[in-house]
Every structure is written in structure tokens, then in C-alpha cells.
C-alpha atoms as a PDB file:
ATOM      1  CA  MET A   1     103.430  78.332 111.364  1.00  0.00           C
ATOM      2  CA  SER A   2     100.315  77.136 113.161  1.00  0.00           C
ATOM      3  CA  LYS A   3      97.286  79.258 112.277  1.00  0.00           C
ATOM      4  CA  ASP A   4      94.008  79.603 114.167  1.00  0.00           C
ATOM      5  CA  LEU A   5      91.624  80.956 111.567  1.00  0.00           C
ATOM      6  CA  THR A   6      88.931  81.666 114.161  1.00  0.00           C
ATOM      7  CA  ASN A   7      91.186  84.336 115.712  1.00  0.00           C
ATOM      8  CA  SER A   8      93.032  85.728 112.685  1.00  0.00           C
ATOM      9  CA  PRO A   9      91.106  88.082 110.372  1.00  0.00           C
ATOM     10  CA  ILE A  10      94.220  88.611 108.221  1.00  0.00           C
ATOM     11  CA  ASP A  11      94.689  84.876 107.597  1.00  0.00           C
ATOM     12  CA  ARG A  12      90.971  84.501 106.849  1.00  0.00           C
ATOM     13  CA  GLN A  13      91.012  87.351 104.352  1.00  0.00           C
ATOM     14  CA  ASN A  14      94.154  86.075 102.640  1.00  0.00           C
ATOM     15  CA  ILE A  15      92.355  82.790 101.973  1.00  0.00           C
ATOM     16  CA  LEU A  16      89.173  84.515 100.809  1.00  0.00           C
ATOM     17  CA  ASN A  17      91.123  86.783  98.438  1.00  0.00           C
ATOM     18  CA  ASN A  18      93.051  83.896  96.849  1.00  0.00           C
ATOM     19  CA  PRO A  19      91.011  82.987  93.744  1.00  0.00           C
ATOM     20  CA  TYR A  20      93.115  79.908  92.946  1.00  0.00           C
ATOM     21  CA  ALA A  21      92.680  78.328  96.367  1.00  0.00           C
ATOM     22  CA  LEU A  22      88.955  79.195  96.440  1.00  0.00           C
ATOM     23  CA  VAL A  23      88.277  77.101  93.350  1.00  0.00           C
ATOM     24  CA  GLU A  24      89.815  74.032  94.998  1.00  0.00           C
ATOM     25  CA  ILE A  25      88.186  74.694  98.371  1.00  0.00           C
ATOM     26  CA  GLU A  26      84.735  74.973  96.786  1.00  0.00           C
ATOM     27  CA  LYS A  27      85.254  71.601  95.084  1.00  0.00           C
ATOM     28  CA  ALA A  28      86.304  70.023  98.368  1.00  0.00           C
ATOM     29  CA  ALA A  29      83.445  71.515 100.402  1.00  0.00           C
ATOM     30  CA  GLY A  30      80.813  70.112  98.056  1.00  0.00           C
ATOM     31  CA  ILE A  31      78.019  72.279  99.439  1.00  0.00           C
ATOM     32  CA  ARG A  32      74.936  72.404  97.197  1.00  0.00           C
ATOM     33  CA  GLY A  33      73.757  75.933  96.552  1.00  0.00           C
ATOM     34  CA  ILE A  34      71.016  77.829  94.761  1.00  0.00           C
ATOM     35  CA  PRO A  35      71.686  79.349  91.310  1.00  0.00           C
ATOM     36  CA  PHE A  36      71.156  83.102  91.591  1.00  0.00           C
ATOM     37  CA  GLU A  37      72.293  85.966  89.348  1.00  0.00           C
ATOM     38  CA  GLY A  38      75.000  83.892  87.713  1.00  0.00           C
ATOM     39  CA  ASN A  39      76.435  82.654  91.016  1.00  0.00           C
ATOM     40  CA  THR A  40      75.576  80.066  93.643  1.00  0.00           C
ATOM     41  CA  VAL A  41      74.265  81.087  97.054  1.00  0.00           C
ATOM     42  CA  VAL A  42      73.146  79.254 100.183  1.00  0.00           C
ATOM     43  CA  LEU A  43      70.565  80.232 102.776  1.00  0.00           C
ATOM     44  CA  LYS A  44      71.200  80.591 106.483  1.00  0.00           C
ATOM     45  CA  GLU A  45      69.363  77.329 107.154  1.00  0.00           C
ATOM     46  CA  GLN A  46      71.533  75.481 104.633  1.00  0.00           C
ATOM     47  CA  VAL A  47      74.680  76.859 106.251  1.00  0.00           C
ATOM     48  CA  ALA A  48      73.473  75.833 109.701  1.00  0.00           C
ATOM     49  CA  ALA A  49      72.673  72.322 108.448  1.00  0.00           C
ATOM     50  CA  PHE A  50      76.066  71.947 106.776  1.00  0.00           C
ATOM     51  CA  LEU A  51      77.952  73.121 109.861  1.00  0.00           C
ATOM     52  CA  GLU A  52      75.650  71.151 112.180  1.00  0.00           C
ATOM     53  CA  VAL A  53      74.773  74.179 114.313  1.00  0.00           C
ATOM     54  CA  THR A  54      71.523  75.999 115.020  1.00  0.00           C
ATOM     55  CA  THR A  55      70.314  78.964 112.996  1.00  0.00           C
ATOM     56  CA  ARG A  56      70.578  80.948 116.226  1.00  0.00           C
ATOM     57  CA  THR A  57      74.317  80.237 116.243  1.00  0.00           C
ATOM     58  CA  VAL A  58      74.570  81.566 112.691  1.00  0.00           C
ATOM     59  CA  ASP A  59      72.622  84.670 113.755  1.00  0.00           C
ATOM     60  CA  ASN A  60      75.068  85.240 116.625  1.00  0.00           C
ATOM     61  CA  TYR A  61      78.016  85.216 114.244  1.00  0.00           C
ATOM     62  CA  LEU A  62      76.184  87.494 111.819  1.00  0.00           C
ATOM     63  CA  GLU A  63      75.709  89.940 114.664  1.00  0.00           C
ATOM     64  CA  ARG A  64      79.334  89.754 115.837  1.00  0.00           C
ATOM     65  CA  PHE A  65      81.055  89.629 112.435  1.00  0.00           C
ATOM     66  CA  GLY A  66      78.458  91.247 110.193  1.00  0.00           C
ATOM     67  CA  GLU A  67      80.806  93.743 108.554  1.00  0.00           C
ATOM     68  CA  GLU A  68      83.389  91.085 107.665  1.00  0.00           C
ATOM     69  CA  LEU A  69      80.752  88.681 106.343  1.00  0.00           C
ATOM     70  CA  ARG A  70      79.053  91.374 104.260  1.00  0.00           C
ATOM     71  CA  GLN A  71      82.422  92.355 102.826  1.00  0.00           C
ATOM     72  CA  ASN A  72      82.828  88.779 101.654  1.00  0.00           C
ATOM     73  CA  GLY A  73      79.416  88.278 100.113  1.00  0.00           C
ATOM     74  CA  TYR A  74      76.674  87.920 102.728  1.00  0.00           C
ATOM     75  CA  GLU A  75      73.634  90.048 101.939  1.00  0.00           C
ATOM     76  CA  LEU A  76      69.925  90.452 102.617  1.00  0.00           C
ATOM     77  CA  ILE A  77      67.789  90.011  99.502  1.00  0.00           C
ATOM     78  CA  ASN A  78      64.401  91.731  99.091  1.00  0.00           C
ATOM     79  CA  GLY A  79      62.108  93.211  96.469  1.00  0.00           C
ATOM     80  CA  LYS A  80      62.399  91.983  92.877  1.00  0.00           C
ATOM     81  CA  ARG A  81      65.656  90.193  93.621  1.00  0.00           C
ATOM     82  CA  LEU A  82      63.910  88.260  96.374  1.00  0.00           C
ATOM     83  CA  GLN A  83      61.183  87.158  93.972  1.00  0.00           C
ATOM     84  CA  ALA A  84      63.812  85.929  91.519  1.00  0.00           C
ATOM     85  CA  LEU A  85      65.549  84.043  94.347  1.00  0.00           C
ATOM     86  CA  LYS A  86      62.297  82.409  95.414  1.00  0.00           C
ATOM     87  CA  LEU A  87      61.724  81.234  91.843  1.00  0.00           C
ATOM     88  CA  SER A  88      65.172  79.649  91.837  1.00  0.00           C
ATOM     89  CA  ILE A  89      64.400  77.936  95.138  1.00  0.00           C
ATOM     90  CA  GLN A  90      61.091  76.622  93.817  1.00  0.00           C
ATOM     91  CA  ALA A  91      62.820  75.283  90.715  1.00  0.00           C
ATOM     92  CA  MET A  92      65.076  73.240  93.009  1.00  0.00           C
ATOM     93  CA  ASP A  93      62.021  71.737  94.717  1.00  0.00           C
ATOM     94  CA  VAL A  94      63.075  72.981  98.161  1.00  0.00           C
ATOM     95  CA  HIS A  95      60.246  72.499 100.638  1.00  0.00           C
ATOM     96  CA  GLU A  96      59.277  75.469 102.790  1.00  0.00           C
ATOM     97  CA  THR A  97      59.262  73.271 105.874  1.00  0.00           C
ATOM     98  CA  ASP A  98      63.003  72.772 105.384  1.00  0.00           C
ATOM     99  CA  PHE A  99      63.889  76.471 105.355  1.00  0.00           C
ATOM    100  CA  VAL A 100      61.188  78.392 107.293  1.00  0.00           C
ATOM    101  CA  ASN A 101      58.289  79.876 105.387  1.00  0.00           C
ATOM    102  CA  ILE A 102      60.204  81.031 102.320  1.00  0.00           C
ATOM    103  CA  ALA A 103      57.137  82.049 100.351  1.00  0.00           C
ATOM    104  CA  LYS A 104      56.092  84.633 102.960  1.00  0.00           C
ATOM    105  CA  ALA A 105      59.530  85.875 103.997  1.00  0.00           C
ATOM    106  CA  PRO A 106      59.918  89.652 103.283  1.00  0.00           C
ATOM    107  CA  GLN A 107      63.678  89.199 102.932  1.00  0.00           C
ATOM    108  CA  LEU A 108      66.239  86.399 102.940  1.00  0.00           C
ATOM    109  CA  GLY A 109      69.859  86.385 103.971  1.00  0.00           C
ATOM    110  CA  VAL A 110      72.113  84.610 101.476  1.00  0.00           C
ATOM    111  CA  PHE A 111      75.749  83.578 101.551  1.00  0.00           C
ATOM    112  CA  GLY A 112      77.939  83.465  98.467  1.00  0.00           C
ATOM    113  CA  PHE A 113      80.652  80.821  98.702  1.00  0.00           C
ATOM    114  CA  ARG A 114      83.200  83.303 100.076  1.00  0.00           C
ATOM    115  CA  ALA A 115      80.776  84.378 102.806  1.00  0.00           C
ATOM    116  CA  PHE A 116      79.945  80.744 103.615  1.00  0.00           C
ATOM    117  CA  LEU A 117      83.648  79.909 103.898  1.00  0.00           C
ATOM    118  CA  ASN A 118      84.193  83.066 105.944  1.00  0.00           C
ATOM    119  CA  LEU A 119      81.563  81.873 108.427  1.00  0.00           C
ATOM    120  CA  ALA A 120      83.024  78.357 108.513  1.00  0.00           C
ATOM    121  CA  MET A 121      86.386  79.871 109.459  1.00  0.00           C
ATOM    122  CA  LEU A 122      84.719  81.668 112.382  1.00  0.00           C
ATOM    123  CA  VAL A 123      82.385  79.098 113.946  1.00  0.00           C
ATOM    124  CA  SER A 124      84.228  77.468 116.839  1.00  0.00           C
ATOM    125  CA  GLU A 125      81.281  75.342 118.022  1.00  0.00           C
ATOM    126  CA  SER A 126      81.167  73.180 114.898  1.00  0.00           C
ATOM    127  CA  HIS A 127      83.303  70.049 114.566  1.00  0.00           C
ATOM    128  CA  ARG A 128      82.594  69.991 110.844  1.00  0.00           C
ATOM    129  CA  ALA A 129      83.783  73.601 110.521  1.00  0.00           C
ATOM    130  CA  LYS A 130      86.979  72.638 112.359  1.00  0.00           C
ATOM    131  CA  LEU A 131      87.618  69.813 109.891  1.00  0.00           C
ATOM    132  CA  LEU A 132      86.924  72.175 106.986  1.00  0.00           C
ATOM    133  CA  ARG A 133      89.405  74.716 108.366  1.00  0.00           C
ATOM    134  CA  ARG A 134      92.107  72.037 108.488  1.00  0.00           C
ATOM    135  CA  ALA A 135      91.359  71.059 104.911  1.00  0.00           C
ATOM    136  CA  VAL A 136      91.357  74.707 103.813  1.00  0.00           C
ATOM    137  CA  LEU A 137      94.850  75.326 105.207  1.00  0.00           C
ATOM    138  CA  ASP A 138      96.162  72.227 103.417  1.00  0.00           C
ATOM    139  CA  ILE A 139      94.497  73.242 100.150  1.00  0.00           C
ATOM    140  CA  VAL A 140      95.933  76.767 100.319  1.00  0.00           C
ATOM    141  CA  ILE A 141      99.467  75.417 100.841  1.00  0.00           C
ATOM    142  CA  ASP A 142      99.046  72.800  98.104  1.00  0.00           C
ATOM    143  CA  THR A 143      97.658  75.363  95.647  1.00  0.00           C
ATOM    144  CA  ILE A 144     100.505  77.827  96.190  1.00  0.00           C
ATOM    145  CA  ASN A 145     103.128  75.076  95.967  1.00  0.00           C
ATOM    146  CA  GLN A 146     101.541  73.678  92.814  1.00  0.00           C
ATOM    147  CA  ARG A 147     101.486  77.052  91.083  1.00  0.00           C
ATOM    148  CA  THR A 148     105.039  77.920  92.151  1.00  0.00           C
ATOM    149  CA  GLY A 149     106.540  74.549  91.261  1.00  0.00           C
ATOM    150  CA  GLY A 150     106.880  73.222  94.796  1.00  0.00           C
ATOM    151  CA  GLY A 151     108.304  76.087  96.842  1.00  0.00           C
ATOM    152  CA  THR A 152     107.804  79.746  97.731  1.00  0.00           C
ATOM    153  CA  LYS A 153     111.340  80.813  98.682  1.00  0.00           C
ATOM    154  CA  TYR A 154     111.690  82.592  95.336  1.00  0.00           C
ATOM    155  CA  ILE A 155     108.037  83.444  94.690  1.00  0.00           C
ATOM    156  CA  ASN A 156     109.181  87.088  94.452  1.00  0.00           C
ATOM    157  CA  GLN A 157     110.895  86.216  91.171  1.00  0.00           C
ATOM    158  CA  ARG A 158     107.565  85.368  89.532  1.00  0.00           C
ATOM    159  CA  ASP A 159     106.693  89.080  89.497  1.00  0.00           C
ATOM    160  CA  GLU A 160     107.161  90.589  86.049  1.00  0.00           C
ATOM    161  CA  ASP A 161     108.902  93.617  87.637  1.00  0.00           C
ATOM    162  CA  PHE A 162     111.511  91.562  89.501  1.00  0.00           C
ATOM    163  CA  LEU A 163     114.107  91.114  86.783  1.00  0.00           C
ATOM    164  CA  GLN A 164     114.356  94.802  85.928  1.00  0.00           C
ATOM    165  CA  SER A 165     114.549  95.761  89.613  1.00  0.00           C
ATOM    166  CA  LEU A 166     117.285  93.177  90.164  1.00  0.00           C
ATOM    167  CA  PHE A 167     119.412  94.476  87.278  1.00  0.00           C
ATOM    168  CA  VAL A 168     118.989  98.100  88.364  1.00  0.00           C
ATOM    169  CA  GLU A 169     119.853  97.309  91.967  1.00  0.00           C
ATOM    170  CA  GLU A 170     123.027  95.484  90.927  1.00  0.00           C
ATOM    171  CA  ASP A 171     124.264  98.645  89.197  1.00  0.00           C
ATOM    172  CA  TYR A 172     123.578 100.842  92.208  1.00  0.00           C
ATOM    173  CA  ARG A 173     125.079  98.222  94.505  1.00  0.00           C
ATOM    174  CA  GLN A 174     128.362  98.650  92.644  1.00  0.00           C
ATOM    175  CA  GLN A 175     128.203 102.418  93.103  1.00  0.00           C
ATOM    176  CA  PHE A 176     127.576 101.905  96.811  1.00  0.00           C
ATOM    177  CA  THR A 177     130.475  99.493  97.366  1.00  0.00           C
ATOM    178  CA  ASP A 178     132.801 101.703  95.297  1.00  0.00           C
ATOM    179  CA  ALA A 179     131.884 104.693  97.485  1.00  0.00           C
ATOM    180  CA  LEU A 180     132.539 102.696 100.657  1.00  0.00           C
ATOM    181  CA  ARG A 181     135.891 101.545  99.251  1.00  0.00           C
ATOM    182  CA  ASP A 182     137.027 105.010  98.230  1.00  0.00           C
ATOM    183  CA  CYS A 183     135.489 107.188 100.932  1.00  0.00           C
ATOM    184  CA  VAL A 184     135.386 105.282 104.245  1.00  0.00           C
ATOM    185  CA  ALA A 185     138.497 104.473 106.324  1.00  0.00           C
ATOM    186  CA  MET A 186     137.433 101.093 107.613  1.00  0.00           C
ATOM    187  CA  GLY A 187     138.242  97.418 107.014  1.00  0.00           C
ATOM    188  CA  ASN A 188     136.432  95.243 104.498  1.00  0.00           C
ATOM    189  CA  PHE A 189     133.718  94.426 107.022  1.00  0.00           C
ATOM    190  CA  LYS A 190     132.344  97.914 106.277  1.00  0.00           C
ATOM    191  CA  TYR A 191     130.429  96.466 103.323  1.00  0.00           C
ATOM    192  CA  ALA A 192     128.461  94.131 105.593  1.00  0.00           C
ATOM    193  CA  VAL A 193     128.067  96.813 108.277  1.00  0.00           C
ATOM    194  CA  TYR A 194     126.475  99.413 106.013  1.00  0.00           C
ATOM    195  CA  THR A 195     124.457  96.886 104.078  1.00  0.00           C
ATOM    196  CA  ASP A 196     122.929  95.883 107.392  1.00  0.00           C
ATOM    197  CA  ARG A 197     122.364  99.554 108.235  1.00  0.00           C
ATOM    198  CA  ILE A 198     120.292  99.877 105.068  1.00  0.00           C
ATOM    199  CA  TYR A 199     118.347  96.702 105.809  1.00  0.00           C
ATOM    200  CA  ILE A 200     117.605  97.804 109.373  1.00  0.00           C
ATOM    201  CA  SER A 201     116.487 101.215 108.163  1.00  0.00           C
ATOM    202  CA  ILE A 202     114.093  99.739 105.606  1.00  0.00           C
ATOM    203  CA  PHE A 203     112.759  96.547 107.202  1.00  0.00           C
ATOM    204  CA  ARG A 204     114.252  96.494 110.708  1.00  0.00           C
ATOM    205  CA  GLU A 205     116.288  93.308 110.235  1.00  0.00           C
ATOM    206  CA  LYS A 206     119.941  92.545 109.609  1.00  0.00           C
ATOM    207  CA  ALA A 207     120.758  90.139 106.808  1.00  0.00           C
ATOM    208  CA  HIS A 208     121.254  87.157 109.152  1.00  0.00           C
ATOM    209  CA  GLU A 209     117.944  87.903 110.917  1.00  0.00           C
ATOM    210  CA  TYR A 210     116.150  88.024 107.575  1.00  0.00           C
ATOM    211  CA  ARG A 211     117.727  84.679 106.636  1.00  0.00           C
ATOM    212  CA  LYS A 212     116.417  83.158 109.837  1.00  0.00           C
ATOM    213  CA  VAL A 213     112.850  84.365 109.256  1.00  0.00           C
ATOM    214  CA  LEU A 214     112.805  82.957 105.708  1.00  0.00           C
ATOM    215  CA  ARG A 215     114.743  79.826 106.716  1.00  0.00           C
ATOM    216  CA  LEU A 216     117.397  80.452 104.046  1.00  0.00           C
ATOM    217  CA  ASP A 217     120.500  78.279 103.912  1.00  0.00           C
ATOM    218  CA  LYS A 218     124.002  79.738 103.686  1.00  0.00           C
ATOM    219  CA  ARG A 219     124.153  79.298  99.933  1.00  0.00           C
ATOM    220  CA  ALA A 220     121.041  81.396  99.259  1.00  0.00           C
ATOM    221  CA  ARG A 221     121.617  85.022  98.248  1.00  0.00           C
ATOM    222  CA  VAL A 222     119.376  87.252 100.350  1.00  0.00           C
ATOM    223  CA  ARG A 223     118.649  89.755  97.574  1.00  0.00           C
ATOM    224  CA  ASP A 224     117.346  87.012  95.313  1.00  0.00           C
ATOM    225  CA  THR A 225     114.370  86.712  97.684  1.00  0.00           C
ATOM    226  CA  PHE A 226     113.460  90.426  97.840  1.00  0.00           C
ATOM    227  CA  TYR A 227     110.298  91.752  96.190  1.00  0.00           C
ATOM    228  CA  SER A 228     110.791  94.349  93.452  1.00  0.00           C
ATOM    229  CA  GLU A 229     109.568  97.238  95.655  1.00  0.00           C
ATOM    230  CA  VAL A 230     112.173  96.352  98.289  1.00  0.00           C
ATOM    231  CA  LEU A 231     114.923  96.079  95.680  1.00  0.00           C
ATOM    232  CA  ASP A 232     113.961  99.479  94.260  1.00  0.00           C
ATOM    233  CA  LEU A 233     114.153 101.107  97.689  1.00  0.00           C
ATOM    234  CA  ILE A 234     117.492  99.464  98.500  1.00  0.00           C
ATOM    235  CA  ALA A 235     118.820 100.739  95.168  1.00  0.00           C
ATOM    236  CA  ALA A 236     117.640 104.257  96.032  1.00  0.00           C
ATOM    237  CA  TYR A 237     119.391 104.071  99.417  1.00  0.00           C
ATOM    238  CA  GLU A 238     122.601 102.758  97.849  1.00  0.00           C
ATOM    239  CA  CYS A 239     122.639 105.361  95.099  1.00  0.00           C
ATOM    240  CA  GLY A 240     121.766 108.224  97.426  1.00  0.00           C
ATOM    241  CA  PHE A 241     124.155 107.335 100.222  1.00  0.00           C
ATOM    242  CA  ALA A 242     126.994 106.723  97.768  1.00  0.00           C
ATOM    243  CA  ASP A 243     126.540 110.291  96.553  1.00  0.00           C
ATOM    244  CA  VAL A 244     126.516 111.596 100.145  1.00  0.00           C
ATOM    245  CA  LEU A 245     129.757 109.748 100.928  1.00  0.00           C
ATOM    246  CA  GLN A 246     131.511 110.971  97.812  1.00  0.00           C
ATOM    247  CA  SER A 247     130.464 114.589  98.378  1.00  0.00           C
ATOM    248  CA  GLU A 248     131.539 114.571 102.040  1.00  0.00           C
ATOM    249  CA  ALA A 249     134.880 112.865 101.362  1.00  0.00           C
ATOM    250  CA  LYS A 250     135.596 115.343  98.565  1.00  0.00           C
ATOM    251  CA  SER A 251     134.784 118.325 100.780  1.00  0.00           C
ATOM    252  CA  LYS A 252     137.156 117.028 103.478  1.00  0.00           C
ATOM    253  CA  SER A 253     139.789 115.838 100.991  1.00  0.00           C
ATOM    254  CA  ARG A 254     140.172 112.583 102.901  1.00  0.00           C
ATOM    255  CA  LYS A 255     138.412 109.353 103.769  1.00  0.00           C
ATOM    256  CA  LEU A 256     135.707 109.470 106.443  1.00  0.00           C
ATOM    257  CA  SER A 257     135.980 107.796 109.821  1.00  0.00           C
ATOM    258  CA  PRO A 258     133.363 105.220 110.932  1.00  0.00           C
ATOM    259  CA  LEU A 259     131.881 107.774 113.375  1.00  0.00           C
ATOM    260  CA  GLU A 260     131.538 110.354 110.614  1.00  0.00           C
ATOM    261  CA  THR A 261     130.004 107.774 108.277  1.00  0.00           C
ATOM    262  CA  ASP A 262     127.513 106.697 110.950  1.00  0.00           C
ATOM    263  CA  ALA A 263     126.479 110.300 111.546  1.00  0.00           C
ATOM    264  CA  LEU A 264     125.983 110.844 107.812  1.00  0.00           C
ATOM    265  CA  PHE A 265     123.834 107.728 107.533  1.00  0.00           C
ATOM    266  CA  ARG A 266     121.630 108.745 110.482  1.00  0.00           C
ATOM    267  CA  LYS A 267     121.021 112.096 108.817  1.00  0.00           C
ATOM    268  CA  PHE A 268     120.448 110.436 105.433  1.00  0.00           C
ATOM    269  CA  GLU A 269     117.888 107.882 106.651  1.00  0.00           C
ATOM    270  CA  ALA A 270     115.981 110.544 108.613  1.00  0.00           C
ATOM    271  CA  LEU A 271     115.050 112.450 105.439  1.00  0.00           C
ATOM    272  CA  MET A 272     111.256 112.612 105.322  1.00  0.00           C
ATOM    273  CA  HIS A 273     110.958 111.631 101.659  1.00  0.00           C
ATOM    274  CA  TRP A 274     111.876 108.047 102.643  1.00  0.00           C
ATOM    275  CA  LYS A 275     108.871 107.594 104.937  1.00  0.00           C
ATOM    276  CA  PRO A 276     106.120 106.698 102.404  1.00  0.00           C
ATOM    277  CA  LEU A 277     108.500 104.454 100.473  1.00  0.00           C
ATOM    278  CA  ILE A 278     109.599 102.624 103.630  1.00  0.00           C
ATOM    279  CA  GLU A 279     105.997 102.205 104.775  1.00  0.00           C
ATOM    280  CA  LYS A 280     105.101 100.647 101.415  1.00  0.00           C
ATOM    281  CA  ALA A 281     108.121  98.330 101.360  1.00  0.00           C
ATOM    282  CA  ARG A 282     107.460  97.132 104.912  1.00  0.00           C
ATOM    283  CA  ASN A 283     103.820  96.449 104.126  1.00  0.00           C
ATOM    284  CA  LYS A 284     104.650  94.510 100.962  1.00  0.00           C
ATOM    285  CA  MET A 285     107.372  92.415 102.590  1.00  0.00           C
ATOM    286  CA  ALA A 286     105.473  91.638 105.797  1.00  0.00           C
ATOM    287  CA  SER A 287     102.124  90.907 104.145  1.00  0.00           C
ATOM    288  CA  ARG A 288     103.407  88.864 101.204  1.00  0.00           C
ATOM    289  CA  ASP A 289     105.833  86.818 103.284  1.00  0.00           C
ATOM    290  CA  LEU A 290     103.082  85.889 105.730  1.00  0.00           C
ATOM    291  CA  ALA A 291     100.631  84.944 102.965  1.00  0.00           C
ATOM    292  CA  PHE A 292     103.013  83.212 100.547  1.00  0.00           C
ATOM    293  CA  ARG A 293     105.959  82.026 102.629  1.00  0.00           C
ATOM    294  CA  ASP A 294     104.193  81.507 105.978  1.00  0.00           C
ATOM    295  CA  ALA A 295     106.945  83.720 107.432  1.00  0.00           C
ATOM    296  CA  LEU A 296     106.210  86.372 110.045  1.00  0.00           C
ATOM    297  CA  HIS A 297     108.616  89.297 110.427  1.00  0.00           C
ATOM    298  CA  LEU A 298     107.989  90.139 114.087  1.00  0.00           C
ATOM    299  CA  GLN A 299     109.614  93.561 113.702  1.00  0.00           C
ATOM    300  CA  LEU A 300     107.078  94.398 110.978  1.00  0.00           C
ATOM    301  CA  LYS A 301     104.026  92.782 112.547  1.00  0.00           C
ATOM    302  CA  GLU A 302     102.047  96.028 112.609  1.00  0.00           C
ATOM    303  CA  TYR A 303     102.488  96.399 108.841  1.00  0.00           C
ATOM    304  CA  VAL A 304     100.752  93.115 107.949  1.00  0.00           C
ATOM    305  CA  THR A 305      97.514  93.491 105.996  1.00  0.00           C
ATOM    306  CA  PRO A 306      95.505  90.984 103.907  1.00  0.00           C
ATOM    307  CA  LEU A 307      96.619  90.620 100.303  1.00  0.00           C
ATOM    308  CA  GLN A 308      94.162  91.714  97.667  1.00  0.00           C
ATOM    309  CA  ARG A 309      93.116  89.457  94.797  1.00  0.00           C
ATOM    310  CA  GLU A 310      95.453  91.352  92.467  1.00  0.00           C
ATOM    311  CA  GLU A 311      98.452  90.289  94.568  1.00  0.00           C
ATOM    312  CA  PHE A 312      97.594  86.600  94.207  1.00  0.00           C
ATOM    313  CA  GLU A 313      97.170  87.057  90.469  1.00  0.00           C
ATOM    314  CA  ARG A 314     100.501  88.907  90.308  1.00  0.00           C
ATOM    315  CA  PHE A 315     102.478  86.081  91.905  1.00  0.00           C
ATOM    316  CA  LEU A 316     100.363  83.002  91.119  1.00  0.00           C
ATOM    317  CA  GLY A 317      98.440  83.927  87.983  1.00  0.00           C
ATOM    318  CA  GLU A 318      99.084  83.543  84.297  1.00  0.00           C
ATOM    319  CA  LYS A 319     101.305  86.634  84.078  1.00  0.00           C
ATOM    320  CA  SER A 320     103.654  85.346  86.771  1.00  0.00           C
ATOM    321  CA  LYS A 321     106.548  83.246  85.525  1.00  0.00           C
ATOM    322  CA  GLU A 322     109.624  81.519  86.829  1.00  0.00           C
ATOM    323  CA  LEU A 323     112.822  83.567  86.624  1.00  0.00           C
ATOM    324  CA  ALA A 324     114.330  81.073  84.164  1.00  0.00           C
ATOM    325  CA  GLU A 325     111.506  81.790  81.714  1.00  0.00           C
ATOM    326  CA  ARG A 326     112.015  85.557  82.052  1.00  0.00           C
ATOM    327  CA  LEU A 327     115.766  85.232  81.553  1.00  0.00           C
ATOM    328  CA  GLU A 328     115.184  83.176  78.420  1.00  0.00           C
ATOM    329  CA  GLU A 329     112.779  85.817  77.097  1.00  0.00           C
ATOM    330  CA  ALA A 330     115.280  88.582  77.922  1.00  0.00           C
ATOM    331  CA  LYS A 331     118.011  86.672  76.104  1.00  0.00           C
ATOM    332  CA  ASP A 332     115.797  86.277  73.044  1.00  0.00           C
ATOM    333  CA  VAL A 333     114.994  90.010  73.040  1.00  0.00           C
ATOM    334  CA  MET A 334     118.682  90.931  73.275  1.00  0.00           C
ATOM    335  CA  LYS A 335     119.473  88.529  70.463  1.00  0.00           C
ATOM    336  CA  ARG A 336     116.855  90.085  68.178  1.00  0.00           C
ATOM    337  CA  LEU A 337     118.122  93.601  68.966  1.00  0.00           C
ATOM    338  CA  LYS A 338     121.679  92.550  68.209  1.00  0.00           C
ATOM    339  CA  GLU A 339     120.616  91.078  64.846  1.00  0.00           C
ATOM    340  CA  ARG A 340     119.090  94.447  63.879  1.00  0.00           C
ATOM    341  CA  GLU A 341     122.370  96.288  64.360  1.00  0.00           C
END
């Protein structure tokens, strides 16, 4: 998916919140900063020189996007902190003529690396910023692919909660299909029909539509790509609706017609306790798929928000693992438990 970072605050924030990509981007940018309070900062004049724009251009962007830039590390330094910054600048032998009259300035605006990169993703007048944006997008893709072993189709399985959610959902799936078999007077296509009804209720897509968005081939099992929160909600739907079907069929002492089953499902999905859970599942699916899989669910577009740092650590960090590793660990645990018996 082609991305224009100058017009997409969500894409910008996803990059700025990805600690693994930031490390590689900072290496590639090679901008020389000023040591300050354990970090490295750059002055407005340094940013303007790097991007080959005027300081007035930088000021214009600070005025237009001040809140976003401050959120990502831009700040005005004064008082004792300013004196410490000036000492750091002097130690680097930076001449005042290069960056206004630093010695007399009552305050200085400084950019941490995230704020500098944030500005570079905004400035449309700079050819150098445009080149940096291209490099940034490549680095982000390369970093995610490197940490996931070359692909993101099953990045959901790197979550430590995935395996448990998958096992639980499989159990409730059996309850659901058993209830459809025993309680609904309809051909075998009923399993696909009511599975799709659940999918549409939760994330507004049928199974084949979801496959298309994620570019899954026919051999891929859709549920293997779901995040744990989505699996948990599907399991709750399956368990709950199975109980509704069984209770209704028992009360009528017969199987239910498709029209009766549809009416029951409409009533079931309209229960208000589903709303916060559905909102959460939609947000997780839409936001993670856009950030990790470069896949946009158009039906869930309004639910997309930037991922926080914790999300990148959850799926790309040291705690995340390939499913094969988790299965091996689970097998070892079961083996040890069996030996204790």
C-alpha cells in the first residue's frame, strides 16, 4: 500500500512508536546532535540545514503541527536546563554565528530524534526529507520482516496469548458446530453461513472478504491469522449462541428454521454487553493489520489508531516468539507434568 507520510498522522505515529525501526532509521539518517540529559538533541537551525530549508519553514511547521511535534519530543528549553544545554553546545565548539546568538538566547527549541524524524515526515518542500521518507518506509518494512522471519501473515502468532486463545476457541467452535448440527434444520452450508454472521457482527467482513484484505491463499486457515482478542470474542459468540440455539430448540422440541435462527442471532448480537468488546476487537484488528501487515480493512477504517510502543514490543520484541517455539515449550511442559503423575 502506497503511503504518503506527509498526509497520514497515523502512519507517522506508527513509525515513531516503533522502537526497533527507530534504531535503524537513526543510524541511516546520520544526523549529528548535541548530547543533553542522556539523549541527543538538535537545534532548529541544525534541522533546517539538514533538510535544506529555511528556519522560517521550520517555524511554520512548528506552528501548524506543534502539538504533534511536542508529543514526539520537541520542547523549548530555558532556565537551568538551558544553561546546561549551552555548556554542551560550547563543548562541541559550535560557533554562535552558525546558530544565531546562542549565548544570549533566553530559550532554545530542541528536537529529540523522534521529533526531528516527525518533522522530516511532514516537510513537503524538502527534497532531502522526501528521500528520507522513502528510506524510512523501506527500513520499517525491512525491520518488521527481519524480526518476524520474513513475513507478517502470522505475526499474530508471536503474541504470548495467542496459543491459549486458539486452544480455547477450538473447544467453543466444536460446541457451536454441534449446536448448529443438532438444532438448525438447514443443509451443511449453515456452518459457513453462521460463521460469516459472526465475522460480520464482529469485524464487518465475511471470511472471503477477510482473505482478500490479507491476501491469503486458499490453503491458509483464516483463524490462524486472528489476534488473540479477536479469537476470544469469536469464542464468546460461539459459546453464547450455541447455548441460545440449544435452549430454543429444547423449548420448541424441534429443530429451528433458518428464519428462526436468523431472528435469534439478530437478538443475540444486539445485546449491549458485546459493544465494548466489539469496539476493542475492531480497533486491534484494524490498527495492527495496517501497521504490521500493511492491510487496510475499509469497513473498519474509523477504528484505526496508531499503535503504542507496547504493541511493537508485544509482537516484535524479545517476549514475542514464533508459534513453533511456543508449541515446543507447551509440549515440554506437558511432558514434565505427565512425568510427575
